[in-house]
Amino acid sequence: MREQDNDMRTILILIVLLVRPLDGQVTVRVDSIPSAALGRTVPFTVILPDGYRKSDERYPTLYLLHGYGGDHTNWSKLTGLLRYLSGDRLIVVCPDGNNGWYTNGTDSSARNEDHLVQELIPAVDRSYRTVRAKHERSVAGLSMGGYGAVKLGVKYPSLFSFAAGLSPALQFPSDMDDSVITARWSPALRNSVRTAFGLSENRRWTENDVYPLLERMNTSEPPYFYLSVGSSDAFSEIVLHTHRFAAALRKKGIPFELHEMPGRHDWKFWDREIAAVLSILRTRHQR
């Protein structure tokens, strides 16, 4: 019996060690909020900096958006994000985009943009010690999430000071009537895009197309945009639109940087690029 008690004590100690963050490491937490915009409870991952529980300090926040077919756990599981964040004074929030293109879709129960802007950001600001100001709030994402990050940066310049699109799918919705491009889509992707933007050109296209949104953007303090794309990206339209959007930013006089480098539309590229984004944010937060 004593040996069993000792074994049980050992197991309990191991469990405590497994769930307690180690010194110098971040804490990963899965949280959720009820969403009126989506009609359900929506999960998200939040990554808290080392020392968060032992202080009353407030931190900058990065909203990190996943791509099509992914979920809120992708960034923490498929990249070195947790390792790259070691020592950073930054809260990272990974929303669950549910293949909704971070857009208020054609279905009234699929208001994905409203969920992020009107529900998630205020909820995070209430529940976690964030700096509740634009100058300490950033957004970044890959592919579908890259589109979402760029669109949110353009559409809500009062919320974000930095927006990064990694392999951003900026061809949506403007290229939805290009038969060459749409012929390559899977049935699931076609359904996802059409649910988000509609079957044919309509008001929702204009409201979610980054080019007309950029033309209408009127602010003296636009976000800083970071754009990157792999030169061997399998979706050639992504390379094209990344450069096209950079040219539109240049014409508008909005600060940005553009990087086209060796790489594909894959996690190897995005892993490298999220490390670059974090490096830029460190510099910006030290100002």
C-alpha atoms as a PDB file:
ATOM      1  CA  MET A   1       0.000   0.000   0.000  1.00  0.00           C
ATOM      2  CA  ARG A   2       2.858   2.352   0.850  1.00  0.00           C
ATOM      3  CA  GLU A   3       4.476   1.660  -2.533  1.00  0.00           C
ATOM      4  CA  GLN A   4       1.165   2.511  -4.246  1.00  0.00           C
ATOM      5  CA  ASP A   5       0.945   5.769  -2.268  1.00  0.00           C
ATOM      6  CA  ASN A   6       4.480   6.657  -3.296  1.00  0.00           C
ATOM      7  CA  ASP A   7       3.685   5.854  -6.925  1.00  0.00           C
ATOM      8  CA  MET A   8       0.560   8.035  -6.784  1.00  0.00           C
ATOM      9  CA  ARG A   9       2.558  10.889  -5.223  1.00  0.00           C
ATOM     10  CA  THR A  10       5.120  10.613  -8.017  1.00  0.00           C
ATOM     11  CA  ILE A  11       2.397  10.721 -10.682  1.00  0.00           C
ATOM     12  CA  LEU A  12       0.828  13.810  -9.109  1.00  0.00           C
ATOM     13  CA  ILE A  13       4.197  15.579  -8.988  1.00  0.00           C
ATOM     14  CA  LEU A  14       4.775  14.776 -12.674  1.00  0.00           C
ATOM     15  CA  ILE A  15       1.343  16.149 -13.617  1.00  0.00           C
ATOM     16  CA  VAL A  16       2.065  19.398 -11.768  1.00  0.00           C
ATOM     17  CA  LEU A  17       5.388  19.733 -13.546  1.00  0.00           C
ATOM     18  CA  LEU A  18       3.760  19.138 -16.924  1.00  0.00           C
ATOM     19  CA  VAL A  19       1.120  21.857 -16.591  1.00  0.00           C
ATOM     20  CA  ARG A  20       3.276  24.460 -14.844  1.00  0.00           C
ATOM     21  CA  PRO A  21       5.186  26.761 -17.212  1.00  0.00           C
ATOM     22  CA  LEU A  22       8.938  26.412 -16.846  1.00  0.00           C
ATOM     23  CA  ASP A  23      11.079  29.407 -16.008  1.00  0.00           C
ATOM     24  CA  GLY A  24      11.623  31.590 -19.061  1.00  0.00           C
ATOM     25  CA  GLN A  25       8.761  30.029 -20.983  1.00  0.00           C
ATOM     26  CA  VAL A  26       5.401  31.318 -22.131  1.00  0.00           C
ATOM     27  CA  THR A  27       2.053  29.952 -20.965  1.00  0.00           C
ATOM     28  CA  VAL A  28      -0.407  28.594 -23.530  1.00  0.00           C
ATOM     29  CA  ARG A  29      -4.072  28.702 -22.636  1.00  0.00           C
ATOM     30  CA  VAL A  30      -7.186  27.712 -24.605  1.00  0.00           C
ATOM     31  CA  ASP A  31     -10.026  30.089 -23.761  1.00  0.00           C
ATOM     32  CA  SER A  32     -13.462  30.705 -25.262  1.00  0.00           C
ATOM     33  CA  ILE A  33     -16.232  33.295 -25.395  1.00  0.00           C
ATOM     34  CA  PRO A  34     -19.932  33.091 -26.277  1.00  0.00           C
ATOM     35  CA  SER A  35     -20.505  34.816 -29.613  1.00  0.00           C
ATOM     36  CA  ALA A  36     -23.761  36.464 -30.654  1.00  0.00           C
ATOM     37  CA  ALA A  37     -22.177  37.166 -34.058  1.00  0.00           C
ATOM     38  CA  LEU A  38     -21.636  33.450 -34.703  1.00  0.00           C
ATOM     39  CA  GLY A  39     -24.349  31.951 -32.539  1.00  0.00           C
ATOM     40  CA  ARG A  40     -22.027  29.645 -30.622  1.00  0.00           C
ATOM     41  CA  THR A  41     -19.164  29.521 -28.157  1.00  0.00           C
ATOM     42  CA  VAL A  42     -15.894  30.160 -29.971  1.00  0.00           C
ATOM     43  CA  PRO A  43     -12.482  28.972 -28.745  1.00  0.00           C
ATOM     44  CA  PHE A  44      -9.216  30.848 -29.072  1.00  0.00           C
ATOM     45  CA  THR A  45      -5.641  30.301 -27.961  1.00  0.00           C
ATOM     46  CA  VAL A  46      -3.887  32.914 -25.857  1.00  0.00           C
ATOM     47  CA  ILE A  47      -0.137  32.846 -25.223  1.00  0.00           C
ATOM     48  CA  LEU A  48       0.971  34.746 -22.133  1.00  0.00           C
ATOM     49  CA  PRO A  49       4.529  35.983 -21.564  1.00  0.00           C
ATOM     50  CA  ASP A  50       6.831  34.627 -18.904  1.00  0.00           C
ATOM     51  CA  GLY A  51       6.144  36.323 -15.582  1.00  0.00           C
ATOM     52  CA  TYR A  52       2.573  37.283 -16.473  1.00  0.00           C
ATOM     53  CA  ARG A  53       1.070  35.721 -13.352  1.00  0.00           C
ATOM     54  CA  LYS A  54       3.622  37.330 -11.043  1.00  0.00           C
ATOM     55  CA  SER A  55       3.159  40.937 -12.140  1.00  0.00           C
ATOM     56  CA  ASP A  56       0.532  43.581 -12.774  1.00  0.00           C
ATOM     57  CA  GLU A  57       2.207  44.783 -15.972  1.00  0.00           C
ATOM     58  CA  ARG A  58       0.159  45.395 -19.124  1.00  0.00           C
ATOM     59  CA  TYR A  59       1.368  44.004 -22.441  1.00  0.00           C
ATOM     60  CA  PRO A  60       1.111  44.685 -26.190  1.00  0.00           C
ATOM     61  CA  THR A  61      -1.073  42.238 -28.097  1.00  0.00           C
ATOM     62  CA  LEU A  62      -0.640  40.408 -31.406  1.00  0.00           C
ATOM     63  CA  TYR A  63      -3.686  38.818 -33.039  1.00  0.00           C
ATOM     64  CA  LEU A  64      -2.371  35.936 -35.132  1.00  0.00           C
ATOM     65  CA  LEU A  65      -4.755  34.524 -37.750  1.00  0.00           C
ATOM     66  CA  HIS A  66      -4.605  31.015 -39.201  1.00  0.00           C
ATOM     67  CA  GLY A  67      -5.197  29.982 -42.804  1.00  0.00           C
ATOM     68  CA  TYR A  68      -7.914  28.078 -44.644  1.00  0.00           C
ATOM     69  CA  GLY A  69      -8.425  24.584 -43.232  1.00  0.00           C
ATOM     70  CA  GLY A  70      -6.716  25.507 -39.967  1.00  0.00           C
ATOM     71  CA  ASP A  71      -7.759  26.444 -36.454  1.00  0.00           C
ATOM     72  CA  HIS A  72      -6.650  28.480 -33.470  1.00  0.00           C
ATOM     73  CA  THR A  73      -4.022  25.907 -32.427  1.00  0.00           C
ATOM     74  CA  ASN A  74      -2.040  25.914 -35.698  1.00  0.00           C
ATOM     75  CA  TRP A  75       0.458  28.640 -34.890  1.00  0.00           C
ATOM     76  CA  SER A  76       1.451  27.163 -31.530  1.00  0.00           C
ATOM     77  CA  LYS A  77       1.637  23.579 -32.824  1.00  0.00           C
ATOM     78  CA  LEU A  78       3.110  23.937 -36.320  1.00  0.00           C
ATOM     79  CA  THR A  79       5.756  26.628 -35.870  1.00  0.00           C
ATOM     80  CA  GLY A  80       8.447  27.546 -33.373  1.00  0.00           C
ATOM     81  CA  LEU A  81       6.255  30.408 -32.134  1.00  0.00           C
ATOM     82  CA  LEU A  82       6.457  29.443 -28.449  1.00  0.00           C
ATOM     83  CA  ARG A  83      10.223  29.280 -28.621  1.00  0.00           C
ATOM     84  CA  TYR A  84      10.474  32.557 -30.520  1.00  0.00           C
ATOM     85  CA  LEU A  85       8.349  34.293 -27.879  1.00  0.00           C
ATOM     86  CA  SER A  86      10.613  33.344 -24.995  1.00  0.00           C
ATOM     87  CA  GLY A  87      11.556  36.528 -23.175  1.00  0.00           C
ATOM     88  CA  ASP A  88       9.147  38.748 -25.149  1.00  0.00           C
ATOM     89  CA  ARG A  89       6.733  41.139 -23.437  1.00  0.00           C
ATOM     90  CA  LEU A  90       3.836  40.230 -25.687  1.00  0.00           C
ATOM     91  CA  ILE A  91       0.431  38.568 -25.458  1.00  0.00           C
ATOM     92  CA  VAL A  92      -0.461  36.571 -28.576  1.00  0.00           C
ATOM     93  CA  VAL A  93      -4.092  35.753 -29.340  1.00  0.00           C
ATOM     94  CA  CYS A  94      -4.927  33.156 -31.993  1.00  0.00           C
ATOM     95  CA  PRO A  95      -8.618  33.364 -32.999  1.00  0.00           C
ATOM     96  CA  ASP A  96     -10.546  30.524 -34.587  1.00  0.00           C
ATOM     97  CA  GLY A  97     -11.472  31.665 -38.105  1.00  0.00           C
ATOM     98  CA  ASN A  98     -13.520  28.580 -39.052  1.00  0.00           C
ATOM     99  CA  ASN A  99     -12.813  29.026 -42.800  1.00  0.00           C
ATOM    100  CA  GLY A 100     -14.904  32.196 -42.692  1.00  0.00           C
ATOM    101  CA  TRP A 101     -12.297  34.515 -44.233  1.00  0.00           C
ATOM    102  CA  TYR A 102     -12.555  36.859 -41.235  1.00  0.00           C
ATOM    103  CA  THR A 103     -15.537  38.343 -43.058  1.00  0.00           C
ATOM    104  CA  ASN A 104     -19.227  38.851 -42.362  1.00  0.00           C
ATOM    105  CA  GLY A 105     -20.558  36.187 -44.690  1.00  0.00           C
ATOM    106  CA  THR A 106     -23.788  35.763 -46.596  1.00  0.00           C
ATOM    107  CA  ASP A 107     -25.247  33.786 -43.697  1.00  0.00           C
ATOM    108  CA  SER A 108     -26.386  36.091 -40.873  1.00  0.00           C
ATOM    109  CA  SER A 109     -24.927  33.618 -38.348  1.00  0.00           C
ATOM    110  CA  ALA A 110     -21.452  33.863 -39.926  1.00  0.00           C
ATOM    111  CA  ARG A 111     -20.418  37.379 -38.896  1.00  0.00           C
ATOM    112  CA  ASN A 112     -16.753  36.461 -38.509  1.00  0.00           C
ATOM    113  CA  GLU A 113     -15.411  40.007 -38.791  1.00  0.00           C
ATOM    114  CA  ASP A 114     -17.863  41.303 -36.178  1.00  0.00           C
ATOM    115  CA  HIS A 115     -16.867  38.458 -33.876  1.00  0.00           C
ATOM    116  CA  LEU A 116     -13.190  39.379 -33.996  1.00  0.00           C
ATOM    117  CA  VAL A 117     -13.549  43.169 -33.890  1.00  0.00           C
ATOM    118  CA  GLN A 118     -16.607  43.644 -31.693  1.00  0.00           C
ATOM    119  CA  GLU A 119     -16.440  40.580 -29.428  1.00  0.00           C
ATOM    120  CA  LEU A 120     -13.010  38.987 -29.219  1.00  0.00           C
ATOM    121  CA  ILE A 121     -10.808  42.083 -28.907  1.00  0.00           C
ATOM    122  CA  PRO A 122     -12.982  43.669 -26.173  1.00  0.00           C
ATOM    123  CA  ALA A 123     -13.189  40.305 -24.348  1.00  0.00           C
ATOM    124  CA  VAL A 124      -9.406  39.875 -24.418  1.00  0.00           C
ATOM    125  CA  ASP A 125      -8.925  43.449 -23.202  1.00  0.00           C
ATOM    126  CA  ARG A 126     -11.290  42.741 -20.289  1.00  0.00           C
ATOM    127  CA  SER A 127      -9.861  39.357 -19.325  1.00  0.00           C
ATOM    128  CA  TYR A 128      -6.139  39.877 -19.849  1.00  0.00           C
ATOM    129  CA  ARG A 129      -3.732  42.679 -18.979  1.00  0.00           C
ATOM    130  CA  THR A 130      -3.387  44.196 -22.435  1.00  0.00           C
ATOM    131  CA  VAL A 131      -2.450  47.731 -23.361  1.00  0.00           C
ATOM    132  CA  ARG A 132      -5.847  48.851 -24.630  1.00  0.00           C
ATOM    133  CA  ALA A 133      -4.543  51.142 -27.334  1.00  0.00           C
ATOM    134  CA  LYS A 134      -3.922  50.962 -31.063  1.00  0.00           C
ATOM    135  CA  HIS A 135      -0.195  51.635 -30.768  1.00  0.00           C
ATOM    136  CA  GLU A 136       0.278  48.361 -28.849  1.00  0.00           C
ATOM    137  CA  ARG A 137      -2.085  46.162 -30.888  1.00  0.00           C
ATOM    138  CA  SER A 138      -1.008  44.271 -34.035  1.00  0.00           C
ATOM    139  CA  VAL A 139      -2.511  41.720 -36.393  1.00  0.00           C
ATOM    140  CA  ALA A 140      -0.815  39.150 -38.620  1.00  0.00           C
ATOM    141  CA  GLY A 141      -1.790  36.025 -40.488  1.00  0.00           C
ATOM    142  CA  LEU A 142      -1.008  33.526 -43.218  1.00  0.00           C
ATOM    143  CA  SER A 143      -2.862  32.912 -46.498  1.00  0.00           C
ATOM    144  CA  MET A 144      -6.575  33.305 -45.587  1.00  0.00           C
ATOM    145  CA  GLY A 145      -5.368  34.848 -42.336  1.00  0.00           C
ATOM    146  CA  GLY A 146      -2.959  37.046 -44.280  1.00  0.00           C
ATOM    147  CA  TYR A 147      -5.917  38.392 -46.210  1.00  0.00           C
ATOM    148  CA  GLY A 148      -7.760  38.879 -42.928  1.00  0.00           C
ATOM    149  CA  ALA A 149      -4.848  40.701 -41.287  1.00  0.00           C
ATOM    150  CA  VAL A 150      -4.344  43.068 -44.226  1.00  0.00           C
ATOM    151  CA  LYS A 151      -8.080  43.740 -44.564  1.00  0.00           C
ATOM    152  CA  LEU A 152      -8.464  44.430 -40.846  1.00  0.00           C
ATOM    153  CA  GLY A 153      -5.460  46.751 -40.926  1.00  0.00           C
ATOM    154  CA  VAL A 154      -6.958  48.721 -43.805  1.00  0.00           C
ATOM    155  CA  LYS A 155     -10.525  48.702 -42.494  1.00  0.00           C
ATOM    156  CA  TYR A 156      -9.751  49.433 -38.837  1.00  0.00           C
ATOM    157  CA  PRO A 157      -6.717  51.738 -38.706  1.00  0.00           C
ATOM    158  CA  SER A 158      -7.903  52.985 -35.317  1.00  0.00           C
ATOM    159  CA  LEU A 159      -7.485  49.466 -33.862  1.00  0.00           C
ATOM    160  CA  PHE A 160      -4.126  48.299 -35.244  1.00  0.00           C
ATOM    161  CA  SER A 161      -0.731  49.958 -35.608  1.00  0.00           C
ATOM    162  CA  PHE A 162       0.842  47.023 -37.485  1.00  0.00           C
ATOM    163  CA  ALA A 163      -0.558  44.482 -39.961  1.00  0.00           C
ATOM    164  CA  ALA A 164       1.385  41.603 -41.511  1.00  0.00           C
ATOM    165  CA  GLY A 165       0.237  39.459 -44.418  1.00  0.00           C
ATOM    166  CA  LEU A 166       2.295  36.290 -44.944  1.00  0.00           C
ATOM    167  CA  SER A 167       1.452  34.749 -48.323  1.00  0.00           C
ATOM    168  CA  PRO A 168      -1.748  36.810 -48.134  1.00  0.00           C
ATOM    169  CA  ALA A 169      -4.690  35.616 -50.239  1.00  0.00           C
ATOM    170  CA  LEU A 170      -5.514  39.133 -51.434  1.00  0.00           C
ATOM    171  CA  GLN A 171      -7.039  37.796 -54.657  1.00  0.00           C
ATOM    172  CA  PHE A 172     -10.335  37.421 -52.818  1.00  0.00           C
ATOM    173  CA  PRO A 173     -12.940  38.454 -53.667  1.00  0.00           C
ATOM    174  CA  SER A 174     -11.821  40.312 -56.821  1.00  0.00           C
ATOM    175  CA  ASP A 175     -10.581  37.198 -58.662  1.00  0.00           C
ATOM    176  CA  MET A 176     -13.670  35.080 -57.964  1.00  0.00           C
ATOM    177  CA  ASP A 177     -14.885  35.638 -61.511  1.00  0.00           C
ATOM    178  CA  ASP A 178     -11.595  34.459 -63.039  1.00  0.00           C
ATOM    179  CA  SER A 179     -12.359  31.000 -64.412  1.00  0.00           C
ATOM    180  CA  VAL A 180      -8.679  30.033 -64.657  1.00  0.00           C
ATOM    181  CA  ILE A 181      -8.199  30.627 -60.941  1.00  0.00           C
ATOM    182  CA  THR A 182     -11.520  29.173 -59.796  1.00  0.00           C
ATOM    183  CA  ALA A 183     -10.947  25.997 -61.824  1.00  0.00           C
ATOM    184  CA  ARG A 184      -8.148  25.066 -59.405  1.00  0.00           C
ATOM    185  CA  TRP A 185     -10.346  25.327 -56.316  1.00  0.00           C
ATOM    186  CA  SER A 186     -11.561  22.306 -54.421  1.00  0.00           C
ATOM    187  CA  PRO A 187     -15.333  22.050 -53.851  1.00  0.00           C
ATOM    188  CA  ALA A 188     -14.782  22.837 -50.155  1.00  0.00           C
ATOM    189  CA  LEU A 189     -12.776  25.984 -50.903  1.00  0.00           C
ATOM    190  CA  ARG A 190     -15.321  27.097 -53.494  1.00  0.00           C
ATOM    191  CA  ASN A 191     -18.120  26.712 -50.965  1.00  0.00           C
ATOM    192  CA  SER A 192     -16.143  28.548 -48.274  1.00  0.00           C
ATOM    193  CA  VAL A 193     -15.349  31.513 -50.507  1.00  0.00           C
ATOM    194  CA  ARG A 194     -18.873  31.792 -51.864  1.00  0.00           C
ATOM    195  CA  THR A 195     -20.357  31.607 -48.359  1.00  0.00           C
ATOM    196  CA  ALA A 196     -18.063  34.428 -47.292  1.00  0.00           C
ATOM    197  CA  PHE A 197     -18.411  36.737 -50.300  1.00  0.00           C
ATOM    198  CA  GLY A 198     -21.420  35.634 -52.366  1.00  0.00           C
ATOM    199  CA  LEU A 199     -21.780  33.847 -55.712  1.00  0.00           C
ATOM    200  CA  SER A 200     -21.230  36.896 -57.928  1.00  0.00           C
ATOM    201  CA  GLU A 201     -20.074  40.484 -57.618  1.00  0.00           C
ATOM    202  CA  ASN A 202     -22.146  42.328 -55.047  1.00  0.00           C
ATOM    203  CA  ARG A 203     -21.938  44.867 -52.246  1.00  0.00           C
ATOM    204  CA  ARG A 204     -20.087  42.359 -50.044  1.00  0.00           C
ATOM    205  CA  TRP A 205     -17.254  42.165 -52.577  1.00  0.00           C
ATOM    206  CA  THR A 206     -16.654  45.916 -52.369  1.00  0.00           C
ATOM    207  CA  GLU A 207     -16.866  45.858 -48.568  1.00  0.00           C
ATOM    208  CA  ASN A 208     -14.182  43.177 -48.322  1.00  0.00           C
ATOM    209  CA  ASP A 209     -11.853  43.856 -51.258  1.00  0.00           C
ATOM    210  CA  VAL A 210      -8.625  45.364 -49.922  1.00  0.00           C
ATOM    211  CA  TYR A 211      -8.119  47.618 -52.965  1.00  0.00           C
ATOM    212  CA  PRO A 212     -11.299  49.721 -52.761  1.00  0.00           C
ATOM    213  CA  LEU A 213     -10.986  49.634 -48.975  1.00  0.00           C
ATOM    214  CA  LEU A 214      -7.506  51.102 -49.277  1.00  0.00           C
ATOM    215  CA  GLU A 215      -8.727  53.780 -51.664  1.00  0.00           C
ATOM    216  CA  ARG A 216     -11.366  54.835 -49.154  1.00  0.00           C
ATOM    217  CA  MET A 217      -9.067  54.688 -46.118  1.00  0.00           C
ATOM    218  CA  ASN A 218      -8.699  58.175 -44.679  1.00  0.00           C
ATOM    219  CA  THR A 219      -6.433  58.421 -41.667  1.00  0.00           C
ATOM    220  CA  SER A 220      -3.343  60.357 -40.685  1.00  0.00           C
ATOM    221  CA  GLU A 221      -2.033  57.326 -38.743  1.00  0.00           C
ATOM    222  CA  PRO A 222      -2.326  54.206 -40.906  1.00  0.00           C
ATOM    223  CA  PRO A 223      -0.870  50.905 -39.705  1.00  0.00           C
ATOM    224  CA  TYR A 224       2.568  49.834 -40.846  1.00  0.00           C
ATOM    225  CA  PHE A 225       2.191  46.942 -43.293  1.00  0.00           C
ATOM    226  CA  TYR A 226       4.531  43.963 -43.591  1.00  0.00           C
ATOM    227  CA  LEU A 227       4.044  41.807 -46.700  1.00  0.00           C
ATOM    228  CA  SER A 228       5.928  38.628 -47.553  1.00  0.00           C
ATOM    229  CA  VAL A 229       5.508  35.901 -50.133  1.00  0.00           C
ATOM    230  CA  GLY A 230       7.512  32.927 -51.356  1.00  0.00           C
ATOM    231  CA  SER A 231       8.696  33.177 -54.950  1.00  0.00           C
ATOM    232  CA  SER A 232       7.718  29.510 -55.457  1.00  0.00           C
ATOM    233  CA  ASP A 233       4.235  29.887 -53.990  1.00  0.00           C
ATOM    234  CA  ALA A 234       1.968  27.427 -55.800  1.00  0.00           C
ATOM    235  CA  PHE A 235      -0.699  30.127 -56.025  1.00  0.00           C
ATOM    236  CA  SER A 236       0.832  32.551 -58.513  1.00  0.00           C
ATOM    237  CA  GLU A 237      -2.037  34.982 -57.960  1.00  0.00           C
ATOM    238  CA  ILE A 238      -0.875  35.423 -54.351  1.00  0.00           C
ATOM    239  CA  VAL A 239       2.550  36.566 -55.530  1.00  0.00           C
ATOM    240  CA  LEU A 240       0.923  38.893 -58.050  1.00  0.00           C
ATOM    241  CA  HIS A 241      -1.499  40.447 -55.578  1.00  0.00           C
ATOM    242  CA  THR A 242       1.135  40.868 -52.860  1.00  0.00           C
ATOM    243  CA  HIS A 243       3.120  43.066 -55.242  1.00  0.00           C
ATOM    244  CA  ARG A 244      -0.029  44.780 -56.496  1.00  0.00           C
ATOM    245  CA  PHE A 245      -1.092  45.687 -52.972  1.00  0.00           C
ATOM    246  CA  ALA A 246       2.396  46.969 -52.160  1.00  0.00           C
ATOM    247  CA  ALA A 247       2.160  49.242 -55.214  1.00  0.00           C
ATOM    248  CA  ALA A 248      -1.229  50.499 -53.987  1.00  0.00           C
ATOM    249  CA  LEU A 249       0.258  51.265 -50.572  1.00  0.00           C
ATOM    250  CA  ARG A 250       3.141  53.124 -52.204  1.00  0.00           C
ATOM    251  CA  LYS A 251       0.728  55.179 -54.303  1.00  0.00           C
ATOM    252  CA  LYS A 252      -1.268  56.045 -51.184  1.00  0.00           C
ATOM    253  CA  GLY A 253       1.900  57.028 -49.287  1.00  0.00           C
ATOM    254  CA  ILE A 254       1.390  54.393 -46.577  1.00  0.00           C
ATOM    255  CA  PRO A 255       4.541  52.900 -44.988  1.00  0.00           C
ATOM    256  CA  PHE A 256       5.204  49.232 -45.700  1.00  0.00           C
ATOM    257  CA  GLU A 257       7.861  46.677 -46.443  1.00  0.00           C
ATOM    258  CA  LEU A 258       7.620  43.900 -49.020  1.00  0.00           C
ATOM    259  CA  HIS A 259       9.659  40.721 -49.096  1.00  0.00           C
ATOM    260  CA  GLU A 260       9.615  38.160 -51.886  1.00  0.00           C
ATOM    261  CA  MET A 261      12.091  35.422 -51.127  1.00  0.00           C
ATOM    262  CA  PRO A 262      12.693  31.738 -51.805  1.00  0.00           C
ATOM    263  CA  GLY A 263       9.852  29.753 -50.337  1.00  0.00           C
ATOM    264  CA  ARG A 264       6.553  28.027 -50.904  1.00  0.00           C
ATOM    265  CA  HIS A 265       3.013  28.202 -49.555  1.00  0.00           C
ATOM    266  CA  ASP A 266       3.893  26.089 -46.549  1.00  0.00           C
ATOM    267  CA  TRP A 267       4.715  26.031 -42.855  1.00  0.00           C
ATOM    268  CA  LYS A 268       8.451  26.190 -43.439  1.00  0.00           C
ATOM    269  CA  PHE A 269       7.983  29.626 -44.989  1.00  0.00           C
ATOM    270  CA  TRP A 270       5.479  30.822 -42.371  1.00  0.00           C
ATOM    271  CA  ASP A 271       7.654  29.591 -39.510  1.00  0.00           C
ATOM    272  CA  ARG A 272      10.523  31.692 -40.799  1.00  0.00           C
ATOM    273  CA  GLU A 273       8.308  34.679 -41.387  1.00  0.00           C
ATOM    274  CA  ILE A 274       6.612  34.741 -37.979  1.00  0.00           C
ATOM    275  CA  ALA A 275      10.071  34.930 -36.445  1.00  0.00           C
ATOM    276  CA  ALA A 276      10.748  37.975 -38.663  1.00  0.00           C
ATOM    277  CA  VAL A 277       7.438  39.583 -37.651  1.00  0.00           C
ATOM    278  CA  LEU A 278       8.224  39.135 -33.954  1.00  0.00           C
ATOM    279  CA  SER A 279      11.635  40.709 -34.481  1.00  0.00           C
ATOM    280  CA  ILE A 280       9.985  43.801 -35.983  1.00  0.00           C
ATOM    281  CA  LEU A 281       7.480  44.000 -33.136  1.00  0.00           C
ATOM    282  CA  ARG A 282      10.274  43.872 -30.557  1.00  0.00           C
ATOM    283  CA  THR A 283      11.841  46.914 -32.165  1.00  0.00           C
ATOM    284  CA  ARG A 284       8.528  48.765 -32.385  1.00  0.00           C
ATOM    285  CA  HIS A 285       7.650  48.075 -28.746  1.00  0.00           C
ATOM    286  CA  GLN A 286      11.033  49.385 -27.564  1.00  0.00           C
ATOM    287  CA  ARG A 287      10.371  52.843 -28.998  1.00  0.00           C
END
